[in-house]
PDB file of all heavy atoms in Angstrom:
ATOM      1  N   LYS A   1     -21.845 -10.181   9.206  1.00  0.00           N
ATOM      2  CA  LYS A   1     -22.701 -11.375   9.230  1.00  0.00           C
ATOM      3  C   LYS A   1     -22.423 -12.273   8.024  1.00  0.00           C
ATOM      4  O   LYS A   1     -22.577 -13.485   8.104  1.00  0.00           O
ATOM      5  CB  LYS A   1     -24.170 -10.982   9.270  1.00  0.00           C
ATOM      6  CG  LYS A   1     -24.634 -10.550  10.640  1.00  0.00           C
ATOM      7  CD  LYS A   1     -26.127 -10.272  10.668  1.00  0.00           C
ATOM      8  CE  LYS A   1     -26.546  -9.868  12.069  1.00  0.00           C
ATOM      9  NZ  LYS A   1     -27.990  -9.565  12.140  1.00  0.00           N
ATOM     10  N   ALA A   2     -21.987 -11.665   6.923  1.00  0.00           N
ATOM     11  CA  ALA A   2     -21.633 -12.434   5.721  1.00  0.00           C
ATOM     12  C   ALA A   2     -20.252 -13.067   5.848  1.00  0.00           C
ATOM     13  O   ALA A   2     -19.832 -13.819   4.971  1.00  0.00           O
ATOM     14  CB  ALA A   2     -21.694 -11.538   4.481  1.00  0.00           C
ATOM     15  N   GLY A   3     -19.539 -12.752   6.938  1.00  0.00           N
ATOM     16  CA  GLY A   3     -18.234 -13.358   7.187  1.00  0.00           C
ATOM     17  C   GLY A   3     -17.050 -12.593   6.617  1.00  0.00           C
ATOM     18  O   GLY A   3     -15.941 -13.124   6.546  1.00  0.00           O
ATOM     19  N   THR A   4     -17.234 -11.344   6.238  1.00  0.00           N
ATOM     20  CA  THR A   4     -16.155 -10.555   5.630  1.00  0.00           C
ATOM     21  C   THR A   4     -15.038 -10.301   6.635  1.00  0.00           C
ATOM     22  O   THR A   4     -15.284  -9.856   7.761  1.00  0.00           O
ATOM     23  CB  THR A   4     -16.701  -9.216   5.118  1.00  0.00           C
ATOM     24  OG1 THR A   4     -17.801  -9.475   4.237  1.00  0.00           O
ATOM     25  CG2 THR A   4     -15.628  -8.437   4.365  1.00  0.00           C
ATOM     26  N   THR A   5     -13.793 -10.576   6.214  1.00  0.00           N
ATOM     27  CA  THR A   5     -12.610 -10.374   7.043  1.00  0.00           C
ATOM     28  C   THR A   5     -11.716  -9.302   6.433  1.00  0.00           C
ATOM     29  O   THR A   5     -11.911  -8.900   5.272  1.00  0.00           O
ATOM     30  CB  THR A   5     -11.800 -11.681   7.158  1.00  0.00           C
ATOM     31  OG1 THR A   5     -11.280 -11.999   5.850  1.00  0.00           O
ATOM     32  CG2 THR A   5     -12.649 -12.833   7.683  1.00  0.00           C
ATOM     33  N   THR A   6     -10.731  -8.878   7.193  1.00  0.00           N
ATOM     34  CA  THR A   6      -9.760  -7.911   6.673  1.00  0.00           C
ATOM     35  C   THR A   6      -9.054  -8.490   5.449  1.00  0.00           C
ATOM     36  O   THR A   6      -8.840  -7.783   4.457  1.00  0.00           O
ATOM     37  CB  THR A   6      -8.736  -7.536   7.762  1.00  0.00           C
ATOM     38  OG1 THR A   6      -9.447  -6.982   8.878  1.00  0.00           O
ATOM     39  CG2 THR A   6      -7.729  -6.526   7.251  1.00  0.00           C
ATOM     40  N   GLN A   7      -8.717  -9.763   5.492  1.00  0.00           N
ATOM     41  CA  GLN A   7      -8.083 -10.408   4.334  1.00  0.00           C
ATOM     42  C   GLN A   7      -9.000 -10.349   3.110  1.00  0.00           C
ATOM     43  O   GLN A   7      -8.536 -10.117   1.998  1.00  0.00           O
ATOM     44  CB  GLN A   7      -7.723 -11.860   4.661  1.00  0.00           C
ATOM     45  CG  GLN A   7      -6.889 -12.528   3.582  1.00  0.00           C
ATOM     46  CD  GLN A   7      -5.497 -11.927   3.457  1.00  0.00           C
ATOM     47  OE1 GLN A   7      -4.815 -11.727   4.441  1.00  0.00           O
ATOM     48  NE2 GLN A   7      -5.093 -11.618   2.245  1.00  0.00           N
ATOM     49  N   ASP A   8     -10.299 -10.528   3.311  1.00  0.00           N
ATOM     50  CA  ASP A   8     -11.259 -10.422   2.201  1.00  0.00           C
ATOM     51  C   ASP A   8     -11.244  -9.015   1.603  1.00  0.00           C
ATOM     52  O   ASP A   8     -11.285  -8.852   0.382  1.00  0.00           O
ATOM     53  CB  ASP A   8     -12.686 -10.736   2.667  1.00  0.00           C
ATOM     54  CG  ASP A   8     -12.875 -12.168   3.108  1.00  0.00           C
ATOM     55  OD1 ASP A   8     -12.184 -13.061   2.588  1.00  0.00           O
ATOM     56  OD2 ASP A   8     -13.735 -12.383   4.000  1.00  0.00           O
ATOM     57  N   VAL A   9     -11.206  -8.012   2.465  1.00  0.00           N
ATOM     58  CA  VAL A   9     -11.194  -6.626   2.001  1.00  0.00           C
ATOM     59  C   VAL A   9      -9.961  -6.379   1.128  1.00  0.00           C
ATOM     60  O   VAL A   9     -10.050  -5.765   0.057  1.00  0.00           O
ATOM     61  CB  VAL A   9     -11.228  -5.638   3.184  1.00  0.00           C
ATOM     62  CG1 VAL A   9     -11.094  -4.204   2.697  1.00  0.00           C
ATOM     63  CG2 VAL A   9     -12.493  -5.812   4.002  1.00  0.00           C
ATOM     64  N   LEU A  10      -8.812  -6.866   1.573  1.00  0.00           N
ATOM     65  CA  LEU A  10      -7.584  -6.674   0.807  1.00  0.00           C
ATOM     66  C   LEU A  10      -7.648  -7.423  -0.519  1.00  0.00           C
ATOM     67  O   LEU A  10      -7.164  -6.917  -1.545  1.00  0.00           O
ATOM     68  CB  LEU A  10      -6.381  -7.108   1.641  1.00  0.00           C
ATOM     69  CG  LEU A  10      -6.148  -6.285   2.912  1.00  0.00           C
ATOM     70  CD1 LEU A  10      -5.038  -6.904   3.745  1.00  0.00           C
ATOM     71  CD2 LEU A  10      -5.863  -4.832   2.584  1.00  0.00           C
ATOM     72  N   MET A  11      -8.271  -8.591  -0.552  1.00  0.00           N
ATOM     73  CA  MET A  11      -8.440  -9.330  -1.798  1.00  0.00           C
ATOM     74  C   MET A  11      -9.361  -8.556  -2.751  1.00  0.00           C
ATOM     75  O   MET A  11      -9.074  -8.431  -3.939  1.00  0.00           O
ATOM     76  CB  MET A  11      -9.026 -10.717  -1.534  1.00  0.00           C
ATOM     77  CG  MET A  11      -9.209 -11.556  -2.784  1.00  0.00           C
ATOM     78  SD  MET A  11     -10.044 -13.126  -2.468  1.00  0.00           S
ATOM     79  CE  MET A  11     -11.682 -12.540  -2.035  1.00  0.00           C
ATOM     80  N   ILE A  12     -10.449  -8.008  -2.220  1.00  0.00           N
ATOM     81  CA  ILE A  12     -11.364  -7.200  -3.031  1.00  0.00           C
ATOM     82  C   ILE A  12     -10.614  -6.011  -3.627  1.00  0.00           C
ATOM     83  O   ILE A  12     -10.779  -5.684  -4.803  1.00  0.00           O
ATOM     84  CB  ILE A  12     -12.566  -6.735  -2.176  1.00  0.00           C
ATOM     85  CG1 ILE A  12     -13.464  -7.928  -1.841  1.00  0.00           C
ATOM     86  CG2 ILE A  12     -13.348  -5.634  -2.868  1.00  0.00           C
ATOM     87  CD1 ILE A  12     -14.478  -7.649  -0.737  1.00  0.00           C
ATOM     88  N   ALA A  13      -9.790  -5.365  -2.810  1.00  0.00           N
ATOM     89  CA  ALA A  13      -9.011  -4.214  -3.283  1.00  0.00           C
ATOM     90  C   ALA A  13      -8.033  -4.620  -4.379  1.00  0.00           C
ATOM     91  O   ALA A  13      -7.898  -3.917  -5.389  1.00  0.00           O
ATOM     92  CB  ALA A  13      -8.270  -3.566  -2.110  1.00  0.00           C
ATOM     93  N   ASN A  14      -7.345  -5.740  -4.196  1.00  0.00           N
ATOM     94  CA  ASN A  14      -6.401  -6.209  -5.220  1.00  0.00           C
ATOM     95  C   ASN A  14      -7.106  -6.543  -6.525  1.00  0.00           C
ATOM     96  O   ASN A  14      -6.614  -6.203  -7.612  1.00  0.00           O
ATOM     97  CB  ASN A  14      -5.622  -7.427  -4.714  1.00  0.00           C
ATOM     98  CG  ASN A  14      -4.548  -7.051  -3.735  1.00  0.00           C
ATOM     99  OD1 ASN A  14      -3.984  -5.970  -3.785  1.00  0.00           O
ATOM    100  ND2 ASN A  14      -4.266  -7.952  -2.813  1.00  0.00           N
ATOM    101  N   GLU A  15      -8.253  -7.197  -6.437  1.00  0.00           N
ATOM    102  CA  GLU A  15      -9.000  -7.536  -7.650  1.00  0.00           C
ATOM    103  C   GLU A  15      -9.532  -6.280  -8.340  1.00  0.00           C
ATOM    104  O   GLU A  15      -9.539  -6.190  -9.569  1.00  0.00           O
ATOM    105  CB  GLU A  15     -10.141  -8.504  -7.306  1.00  0.00           C
ATOM    106  CG  GLU A  15      -9.617  -9.875  -6.900  1.00  0.00           C
ATOM    107  CD  GLU A  15     -10.693 -10.793  -6.349  1.00  0.00           C
ATOM    108  OE1 GLU A  15     -11.861 -10.353  -6.178  1.00  0.00           O
ATOM    109  OE2 GLU A  15     -10.366 -11.971  -6.088  1.00  0.00           O
ATOM    110  N   PHE A  16      -9.959  -5.301  -7.550  1.00  0.00           N
ATOM    111  CA  PHE A  16     -10.394  -4.024  -8.120  1.00  0.00           C
ATOM    112  C   PHE A  16      -9.247  -3.364  -8.879  1.00  0.00           C
ATOM    113  O   PHE A  16      -9.422  -2.872  -9.991  1.00  0.00           O
ATOM    114  CB  PHE A  16     -10.890  -3.083  -7.011  1.00  0.00           C
ATOM    115  CG  PHE A  16     -11.238  -1.708  -7.504  1.00  0.00           C
ATOM    116  CD1 PHE A  16     -12.493  -1.444  -8.015  1.00  0.00           C
ATOM    117  CD2 PHE A  16     -10.305  -0.684  -7.455  1.00  0.00           C
ATOM    118  CE1 PHE A  16     -12.816  -0.181  -8.483  1.00  0.00           C
ATOM    119  CE2 PHE A  16     -10.606   0.585  -7.915  1.00  0.00           C
ATOM    120  CZ  PHE A  16     -11.879   0.839  -8.430  1.00  0.00           C
ATOM    121  N   ARG A  17      -8.063  -3.351  -8.256  1.00  0.00           N
ATOM    122  CA  ARG A  17      -6.900  -2.712  -8.879  1.00  0.00           C
ATOM    123  C   ARG A  17      -6.575  -3.359 -10.215  1.00  0.00           C
ATOM    124  O   ARG A  17      -6.204  -2.687 -11.171  1.00  0.00           O
ATOM    125  CB  ARG A  17      -5.695  -2.778  -7.926  1.00  0.00           C
ATOM    126  CG  ARG A  17      -4.417  -2.189  -8.454  1.00  0.00           C
ATOM    127  CD  ARG A  17      -4.490  -0.696  -8.821  1.00  0.00           C
ATOM    128  NE  ARG A  17      -4.965   0.108  -7.746  1.00  0.00           N
ATOM    129  CZ  ARG A  17      -5.980   0.985  -7.857  1.00  0.00           C
ATOM    130  NH1 ARG A  17      -6.601   1.165  -9.005  1.00  0.00           N
ATOM    131  NH2 ARG A  17      -6.381   1.691  -6.826  1.00  0.00           N
ATOM    132  N   GLU A  18      -6.739  -4.679 -10.329  1.00  0.00           N
ATOM    133  CA  GLU A  18      -6.498  -5.364 -11.603  1.00  0.00           C
ATOM    134  C   GLU A  18      -7.493  -4.913 -12.665  1.00  0.00           C
ATOM    135  O   GLU A  18      -7.126  -4.749 -13.831  1.00  0.00           O
ATOM    136  CB  GLU A  18      -6.583  -6.882 -11.410  1.00  0.00           C
ATOM    137  CG  GLU A  18      -5.428  -7.458 -10.617  1.00  0.00           C
ATOM    138  CD  GLU A  18      -5.591  -8.940 -10.326  1.00  0.00           C
ATOM    139  OE1 GLU A  18      -6.502  -9.585 -10.896  1.00  0.00           O
ATOM    140  OE2 GLU A  18      -4.807  -9.463  -9.512  1.00  0.00           O
ATOM    141  N   ARG A  19      -8.763  -4.712 -12.274  1.00  0.00           N
ATOM    142  CA  ARG A  19      -9.795  -4.306 -13.235  1.00  0.00           C
ATOM    143  C   ARG A  19      -9.740  -2.820 -13.552  1.00  0.00           C
ATOM    144  O   ARG A  19     -10.103  -2.410 -14.649  1.00  0.00           O
ATOM    145  CB  ARG A  19     -11.193  -4.650 -12.699  1.00  0.00           C
ATOM    146  CG  ARG A  19     -11.477  -6.116 -12.588  1.00  0.00           C
ATOM    147  CD  ARG A  19     -12.946  -6.401 -12.282  1.00  0.00           C
ATOM    148  NE  ARG A  19     -13.530  -5.641 -11.194  1.00  0.00           N
ATOM    149  CZ  ARG A  19     -13.388  -5.910  -9.888  1.00  0.00           C
ATOM    150  NH1 ARG A  19     -12.659  -6.956  -9.504  1.00  0.00           N
ATOM    151  NH2 ARG A  19     -13.975  -5.164  -8.970  1.00  0.00           N
ATOM    152  N   HIS A  20      -9.334  -2.013 -12.582  1.00  0.00           N
ATOM    153  CA  HIS A  20      -9.379  -0.548 -12.723  1.00  0.00           C
ATOM    154  C   HIS A  20      -8.059   0.050 -12.242  1.00  0.00           C
ATOM    155  O   HIS A  20      -7.982   0.631 -11.155  1.00  0.00           O
ATOM    156  CB  HIS A  20     -10.550   0.026 -11.920  1.00  0.00           C
ATOM    157  CG  HIS A  20     -11.861  -0.571 -12.274  1.00  0.00           C
ATOM    158  ND1 HIS A  20     -12.532  -0.261 -13.432  1.00  0.00           N
ATOM    159  CD2 HIS A  20     -12.625  -1.492 -11.628  1.00  0.00           C
ATOM    160  CE1 HIS A  20     -13.669  -0.948 -13.480  1.00  0.00           C
ATOM    161  NE2 HIS A  20     -13.735  -1.712 -12.406  1.00  0.00           N
ATOM    162  N   PRO A  21      -7.005  -0.079 -13.034  1.00  0.00           N
ATOM    163  CA  PRO A  21      -5.673   0.343 -12.571  1.00  0.00           C
ATOM    164  C   PRO A  21      -5.517   1.844 -12.318  1.00  0.00           C
ATOM    165  O   PRO A  21      -4.614   2.244 -11.592  1.00  0.00           O
ATOM    166  CB  PRO A  21      -4.737  -0.128 -13.684  1.00  0.00           C
ATOM    167  CG  PRO A  21      -5.610  -0.312 -14.879  1.00  0.00           C
ATOM    168  CD  PRO A  21      -6.968  -0.652 -14.375  1.00  0.00           C
ATOM    169  N   ASP A  22      -6.409   2.669 -12.873  1.00  0.00           N
ATOM    170  CA  ASP A  22      -6.232   4.108 -12.736  1.00  0.00           C
ATOM    171  C   ASP A  22      -7.194   4.780 -11.763  1.00  0.00           C
ATOM    172  O   ASP A  22      -7.083   5.976 -11.521  1.00  0.00           O
ATOM    173  CB  ASP A  22      -6.371   4.778 -14.115  1.00  0.00           C
ATOM    174  CG  ASP A  22      -5.292   4.302 -15.074  1.00  0.00           C
ATOM    175  OD1 ASP A  22      -4.157   4.049 -14.622  1.00  0.00           O
ATOM    176  OD2 ASP A  22      -5.586   4.171 -16.280  1.00  0.00           O
ATOM    177  N   VAL A  23      -8.149   4.029 -11.215  1.00  0.00           N
ATOM    178  CA  VAL A  23      -9.141   4.621 -10.309  1.00  0.00           C
ATOM    179  C   VAL A  23      -8.622   4.556  -8.872  1.00  0.00           C
ATOM    180  O   VAL A  23      -8.304   3.478  -8.381  1.00  0.00           O
ATOM    181  CB  VAL A  23     -10.499   3.890 -10.425  1.00  0.00           C
ATOM    182  CG1 VAL A  23     -11.516   4.490  -9.455  1.00  0.00           C
ATOM    183  CG2 VAL A  23     -11.018   3.949 -11.854  1.00  0.00           C
ATOM    184  N   PRO A  24      -8.542   5.702  -8.181  1.00  0.00           N
ATOM    185  CA  PRO A  24      -8.080   5.694  -6.800  1.00  0.00           C
ATOM    186  C   PRO A  24      -9.023   4.899  -5.900  1.00  0.00           C
ATOM    187  O   PRO A  24     -10.241   5.081  -5.953  1.00  0.00           O
ATOM    188  CB  PRO A  24      -8.077   7.166  -6.394  1.00  0.00           C
ATOM    189  CG  PRO A  24      -8.110   7.932  -7.670  1.00  0.00           C
ATOM    190  CD  PRO A  24      -8.822   7.069  -8.658  1.00  0.00           C
ATOM    191  N   LEU A  25      -8.459   4.030  -5.091  1.00  0.00           N
ATOM    192  CA  LEU A  25      -9.206   3.242  -4.121  1.00  0.00           C
ATOM    193  C   LEU A  25      -8.547   3.447  -2.765  1.00  0.00           C
ATOM    194  O   LEU A  25      -7.349   3.196  -2.604  1.00  0.00           O
ATOM    195  CB  LEU A  25      -9.194   1.759  -4.498  1.00  0.00           C
ATOM    196  CG  LEU A  25     -10.021   0.846  -3.610  1.00  0.00           C
ATOM    197  CD1 LEU A  25     -11.515   1.103  -3.817  1.00  0.00           C
ATOM    198  CD2 LEU A  25      -9.703  -0.610  -3.903  1.00  0.00           C
ATOM    199  N   VAL A  26      -9.322   3.915  -1.805  1.00  0.00           N
ATOM    200  CA  VAL A  26      -8.812   4.228  -0.480  1.00  0.00           C
ATOM    201  C   VAL A  26      -9.487   3.306   0.530  1.00  0.00           C
ATOM    202  O   VAL A  26     -10.714   3.205   0.541  1.00  0.00           O
ATOM    203  CB  VAL A  26      -9.107   5.701  -0.116  1.00  0.00           C
ATOM    204  CG1 VAL A  26      -8.607   6.035   1.274  1.00  0.00           C
ATOM    205  CG2 VAL A  26      -8.517   6.637  -1.158  1.00  0.00           C
ATOM    206  N   LEU A  27      -8.701   2.627   1.355  1.00  0.00           N
ATOM    207  CA  LEU A  27      -9.281   1.821   2.422  1.00  0.00           C
ATOM    208  C   LEU A  27      -9.714   2.752   3.544  1.00  0.00           C
ATOM    209  O   LEU A  27      -8.967   3.638   3.955  1.00  0.00           O
ATOM    210  CB  LEU A  27      -8.268   0.811   2.965  1.00  0.00           C
ATOM    211  CG  LEU A  27      -7.844  -0.299   2.023  1.00  0.00           C
ATOM    212  CD1 LEU A  27      -6.790  -1.182   2.689  1.00  0.00           C
ATOM    213  CD2 LEU A  27      -9.039  -1.134   1.586  1.00  0.00           C
ATOM    214  N   MET A  28     -10.936   2.536   4.021  1.00  0.00           N
ATOM    215  CA  MET A  28     -11.492   3.377   5.080  1.00  0.00           C
ATOM    216  C   MET A  28     -11.897   2.472   6.227  1.00  0.00           C
ATOM    217  O   MET A  28     -12.588   1.482   6.022  1.00  0.00           O
ATOM    218  CB  MET A  28     -12.714   4.117   4.526  1.00  0.00           C
ATOM    219  CG  MET A  28     -13.359   5.040   5.478  1.00  0.00           C
ATOM    220  SD  MET A  28     -12.320   6.479   5.673  1.00  0.00           S
ATOM    221  CE  MET A  28     -13.451   7.560   6.465  1.00  0.00           C
ATOM    222  N   GLY A  29     -11.446   2.799   7.424  1.00  0.00           N
ATOM    223  CA  GLY A  29     -11.839   1.956   8.537  1.00  0.00           C
ATOM    224  C   GLY A  29     -11.287   2.420   9.860  1.00  0.00           C
ATOM    225  O   GLY A  29     -10.613   3.441   9.949  1.00  0.00           O
ATOM    226  N   TYR A  30     -11.596   1.648  10.855  1.00  0.00           N
ATOM    227  CA  TYR A  30     -11.117   1.888  12.216  1.00  0.00           C
ATOM    228  C   TYR A  30      -9.761   1.198  12.386  1.00  0.00           C
ATOM    229  O   TYR A  30      -9.454   0.229  11.690  1.00  0.00           O
ATOM    230  CB  TYR A  30     -12.124   1.333  13.220  1.00  0.00           C
ATOM    231  CG  TYR A  30     -13.405   2.126  13.257  1.00  0.00           C
ATOM    232  CD1 TYR A  30     -14.388   1.947  12.288  1.00  0.00           C
ATOM    233  CD2 TYR A  30     -13.624   3.070  14.248  1.00  0.00           C
ATOM    234  CE1 TYR A  30     -15.559   2.687  12.307  1.00  0.00           C
ATOM    235  CE2 TYR A  30     -14.791   3.809  14.288  1.00  0.00           C
ATOM    236  CZ  TYR A  30     -15.758   3.615  13.311  1.00  0.00           C
ATOM    237  OH  TYR A  30     -16.909   4.351  13.336  1.00  0.00           O
ATOM    238  N   ALA A  31      -8.977   1.675  13.328  1.00  0.00           N
ATOM    239  CA  ALA A  31      -7.649   1.112  13.545  1.00  0.00           C
ATOM    240  C   ALA A  31      -7.709  -0.315  14.069  1.00  0.00           C
ATOM    241  O   ALA A  31      -6.830  -1.125  13.766  1.00  0.00           O
ATOM    242  CB  ALA A  31      -6.855   1.993  14.504  1.00  0.00           C
ATOM    243  N   ASN A  32      -8.738  -0.655  14.816  1.00  0.00           N
ATOM    244  CA  ASN A  32      -8.808  -1.969  15.462  1.00  0.00           C
ATOM    245  C   ASN A  32      -8.582  -3.130  14.485  1.00  0.00           C
ATOM    246  O   ASN A  32      -7.733  -3.985  14.747  1.00  0.00           O
ATOM    247  CB  ASN A  32     -10.137  -2.143  16.194  1.00  0.00           C
ATOM    248  CG  ASN A  32     -10.402  -1.033  17.174  1.00  0.00           C
ATOM    249  OD1 ASN A  32     -10.360   0.136  16.801  1.00  0.00           O
ATOM    250  ND2 ASN A  32     -10.698  -1.369  18.406  1.00  0.00           N
ATOM    251  N   PRO A  33      -9.330  -3.226  13.378  1.00  0.00           N
ATOM    252  CA  PRO A  33      -9.099  -4.347  12.462  1.00  0.00           C
ATOM    253  C   PRO A  33      -7.710  -4.303  11.815  1.00  0.00           C
ATOM    254  O   PRO A  33      -7.156  -5.332  11.455  1.00  0.00           O
ATOM    255  CB  PRO A  33     -10.185  -4.195  11.399  1.00  0.00           C
ATOM    256  CG  PRO A  33     -11.235  -3.352  12.035  1.00  0.00           C
ATOM    257  CD  PRO A  33     -10.499  -2.445  12.990  1.00  0.00           C
ATOM    258  N   MET A  34      -7.161  -3.109  11.682  1.00  0.00           N
ATOM    259  CA  MET A  34      -5.856  -2.969  11.037  1.00  0.00           C
ATOM    260  C   MET A  34      -4.728  -3.476  11.923  1.00  0.00           C
ATOM    261  O   MET A  34      -3.711  -3.945  11.434  1.00  0.00           O
ATOM    262  CB  MET A  34      -5.610  -1.509  10.653  1.00  0.00           C
ATOM    263  CG  MET A  34      -6.551  -1.002   9.596  1.00  0.00           C
ATOM    264  SD  MET A  34      -6.210   0.722   9.230  1.00  0.00           S
ATOM    265  CE  MET A  34      -7.812   1.250   8.653  1.00  0.00           C
ATOM    266  N   VAL A  35      -4.916  -3.370  13.229  1.00  0.00           N
ATOM    267  CA  VAL A  35      -3.844  -3.773  14.138  1.00  0.00           C
ATOM    268  C   VAL A  35      -4.094  -5.130  14.794  1.00  0.00           C
ATOM    269  O   VAL A  35      -3.249  -5.618  15.537  1.00  0.00           O
ATOM    270  CB  VAL A  35      -3.580  -2.703  15.227  1.00  0.00           C
ATOM    271  CG1 VAL A  35      -3.145  -1.396  14.596  1.00  0.00           C
ATOM    272  CG2 VAL A  35      -4.778  -2.504  16.126  1.00  0.00           C
ATOM    273  N   ARG A  36      -5.221  -5.741  14.505  1.00  0.00           N
ATOM    274  CA  ARG A  36      -5.557  -7.019  15.153  1.00  0.00           C
ATOM    275  C   ARG A  36      -4.456  -8.054  14.961  1.00  0.00           C
ATOM    276  O   ARG A  36      -4.065  -8.747  15.892  1.00  0.00           O
ATOM    277  CB  ARG A  36      -6.876  -7.552  14.619  1.00  0.00           C
ATOM    278  CG  ARG A  36      -7.275  -8.832  15.306  1.00  0.00           C
ATOM    279  CD  ARG A  36      -8.682  -9.204  14.984  1.00  0.00           C
ATOM    280  NE  ARG A  36      -9.018 -10.416  15.718  1.00  0.00           N
ATOM    281  CZ  ARG A  36      -9.780 -11.350  15.240  1.00  0.00           C
ATOM    282  NH1 ARG A  36     -10.321 -11.217  14.062  1.00  0.00           N
ATOM    283  NH2 ARG A  36     -10.038 -12.417  15.954  1.00  0.00           N
ATOM    284  N   ARG A  37      -3.958  -8.195  13.740  1.00  0.00           N
ATOM    285  CA  ARG A  37      -2.866  -9.138  13.476  1.00  0.00           C
ATOM    286  C   ARG A  37      -1.510  -8.454  13.577  1.00  0.00           C
ATOM    287  O   ARG A  37      -0.489  -9.069  13.354  1.00  0.00           O
ATOM    288  CB  ARG A  37      -2.999  -9.725  12.073  1.00  0.00           C
ATOM    289  CG  ARG A  37      -4.195 -10.612  11.919  1.00  0.00           C
ATOM    290  CD  ARG A  37      -4.129 -11.293  10.579  1.00  0.00           C
ATOM    291  NE  ARG A  37      -5.406 -11.872  10.229  1.00  0.00           N
ATOM    292  CZ  ARG A  37      -5.666 -12.434   9.084  1.00  0.00           C
ATOM    293  NH1 ARG A  37      -4.742 -12.511   8.155  1.00  0.00           N
ATOM    294  NH2 ARG A  37      -6.848 -12.933   8.837  1.00  0.00           N
ATOM    295  N   GLY A  38      -1.531  -7.170  13.839  1.00  0.00           N
ATOM    296  CA  GLY A  38      -0.298  -6.398  13.960  1.00  0.00           C
ATOM    297  C   GLY A  38      -0.157  -5.426  12.808  1.00  0.00           C
ATOM    298  O   GLY A  38      -0.496  -5.746  11.668  1.00  0.00           O
ATOM    299  N   PRO A  39       0.318  -4.227  13.100  1.00  0.00           N
ATOM    300  CA  PRO A  39       0.456  -3.212  12.054  1.00  0.00           C
ATOM    301  C   PRO A  39       1.412  -3.636  10.940  1.00  0.00           C
ATOM    302  O   PRO A  39       1.232  -3.266   9.783  1.00  0.00           O
ATOM    303  CB  PRO A  39       0.950  -1.972  12.789  1.00  0.00           C
ATOM    304  CG  PRO A  39       1.377  -2.432  14.129  1.00  0.00           C
ATOM    305  CD  PRO A  39       0.704  -3.732  14.410  1.00  0.00           C
TER     306      PRO A  39
END
């Protein structure tokens, strides 16, 4: 409802990685959003 997209999630992950280079971050989700634009 807030308009979050897969691209937004990847941007959030990239920004997190810049702030916390050593903390493991794992994307969790269903395959549908991952393949919508193509694997």
